[in-house]
Amino acid sequence: MSDGETPEEALGNGRDALAAWLQAARESGREVPHPGEPPSGSFVARVPRSLHARLAAHARQQGVGMNAPSVSRCSGGRPLATDASRLYTLYKIDMRTRPCAP
């Protein structure tokens, strides 16, 4: 975070702050993503055992893996557009007429 007396000074200070952060990250061995590099699409989350059990039961009931109900819940109860397309391809489920249960 940075500021300045003028917009130009603030931008210059911001660039300096970014350069310092990048240098510190590299020196400490942290991986620095390239600009525009898309996220990997995966992450690990610790959840309470009770939530894990409910997601696992829902997945078994629906005949899908744990990712499907988890993504559905994280995206507000509706699959993301790419997931909706995949669901239709795999299961012939049209999410426009049959949205996920909340």
Protein backbone atom coordinates (compact mmCIF):
# COMPACT_ATOMS: atom_id res chain seq x y z
CA MET A 1 0.00 0.00 0.00
CA SER A 2 1.28 3.43 -0.82
CA ASP A 3 0.23 7.04 -1.21
CA GLY A 4 1.57 10.38 -2.40
CA GLU A 5 0.88 14.09 -2.63
CA THR A 6 -0.15 13.74 -6.30
CA PRO A 7 -1.54 10.87 -8.37
CA GLU A 8 1.81 10.57 -10.14
CA GLU A 9 3.71 10.39 -6.84
CA ALA A 10 1.25 7.80 -5.49
CA LEU A 11 1.75 5.64 -8.61
CA GLY A 12 5.53 5.94 -8.32
CA ASN A 13 5.43 5.02 -4.65
CA GLY A 14 3.13 2.11 -5.46
CA ARG A 15 5.60 0.84 -8.07
CA ASP A 16 8.41 1.10 -5.51
CA ALA A 17 6.34 -0.84 -2.96
CA LEU A 18 5.58 -3.55 -5.55
CA ALA A 19 9.26 -3.85 -6.50
CA ALA A 20 10.23 -4.17 -2.82
CA TRP A 21 7.57 -6.86 -2.24
CA LEU A 22 8.65 -8.84 -5.31
CA GLN A 23 12.30 -8.70 -4.24
CA ALA A 24 11.47 -9.83 -0.69
CA ALA A 25 9.25 -12.64 -1.99
CA ARG A 26 11.95 -13.93 -4.32
CA GLU A 27 14.66 -13.69 -1.64
CA SER A 28 12.52 -15.72 0.76
CA GLY A 29 11.86 -18.38 -1.89
CA ARG A 30 8.17 -17.58 -2.38
CA GLU A 31 6.73 -18.31 -5.81
CA VAL A 32 5.66 -15.15 -7.60
CA PRO A 33 2.98 -15.72 -10.27
CA HIS A 34 3.41 -14.05 -13.65
CA PRO A 35 0.97 -11.26 -14.55
CA GLY A 36 -2.16 -12.66 -16.17
CA GLU A 37 -1.37 -16.21 -15.06
CA PRO A 38 -4.70 -17.90 -14.32
CA PRO A 39 -5.25 -19.51 -10.91
CA SER A 40 -4.69 -23.26 -10.73
CA GLY A 41 -8.35 -23.93 -9.95
CA SER A 42 -7.65 -25.88 -6.81
CA PHE A 43 -7.24 -25.08 -3.16
CA VAL A 44 -7.34 -26.96 0.11
CA ALA A 45 -9.77 -25.93 2.82
CA ARG A 46 -10.09 -27.27 6.35
CA VAL A 47 -13.72 -27.70 7.33
CA PRO A 48 -15.45 -29.03 10.41
CA ARG A 49 -15.99 -32.79 10.39
CA SER A 50 -19.75 -32.25 10.51
CA LEU A 51 -19.66 -30.20 7.30
CA HIS A 52 -17.40 -32.75 5.63
CA ALA A 53 -19.85 -35.50 6.57
CA ARG A 54 -22.82 -33.54 5.18
CA LEU A 55 -21.01 -32.80 1.89
CA ALA A 56 -19.94 -36.45 1.58
CA ALA A 57 -23.49 -37.67 2.21
CA HIS A 58 -24.91 -35.22 -0.34
CA ALA A 59 -22.30 -36.27 -2.90
CA ARG A 60 -23.12 -39.97 -2.36
CA GLN A 61 -26.84 -39.25 -2.64
CA GLN A 62 -26.31 -37.37 -5.92
CA GLY A 63 -23.84 -39.94 -7.25
CA VAL A 64 -21.09 -37.34 -7.72
CA GLY A 65 -17.71 -36.62 -6.19
CA MET A 66 -17.09 -34.20 -3.33
CA ASN A 67 -16.10 -31.38 -5.70
CA ALA A 68 -19.55 -31.03 -7.31
CA PRO A 69 -21.53 -30.16 -4.16
CA SER A 70 -18.64 -28.10 -2.78
CA VAL A 71 -18.40 -25.95 -5.92
CA SER A 72 -22.16 -25.67 -6.04
CA ARG A 73 -22.30 -24.41 -2.45
CA CYS A 74 -19.38 -22.01 -2.95
CA SER A 75 -21.00 -20.51 -6.03
CA GLY A 76 -24.23 -19.66 -4.24
CA GLY A 77 -26.08 -22.92 -4.81
CA ARG A 78 -25.71 -22.85 -8.57
CA PRO A 79 -22.80 -24.35 -10.48
CA LEU A 80 -20.48 -22.02 -12.34
CA ALA A 81 -21.12 -21.73 -16.08
CA THR A 82 -18.39 -24.22 -17.00
CA ASP A 83 -19.68 -26.68 -14.41
CA ALA A 84 -23.23 -26.33 -15.73
CA SER A 85 -21.98 -27.19 -19.21
CA ARG A 86 -20.04 -30.18 -17.83
CA LEU A 87 -23.07 -31.38 -15.87
CA TYR A 88 -25.16 -31.28 -19.02
CA THR A 89 -22.51 -33.16 -20.99
CA LEU A 90 -22.03 -35.82 -18.30
CA TYR A 91 -25.54 -36.19 -16.89
CA LYS A 92 -27.83 -34.38 -19.37
CA ILE A 93 -28.86 -32.03 -16.54
CA ASP A 94 -29.82 -28.57 -17.80
CA MET A 95 -29.09 -26.22 -14.91
CA ARG A 96 -31.25 -23.48 -16.47
CA THR A 97 -34.33 -25.57 -15.78
CA ARG A 98 -33.08 -27.56 -12.77
CA PRO A 99 -30.92 -25.42 -10.47
CA CYS A 100 -29.10 -26.91 -7.51
CA ALA A 101 -30.88 -27.01 -4.20
CA PRO A 102 -29.67 -24.38 -1.74
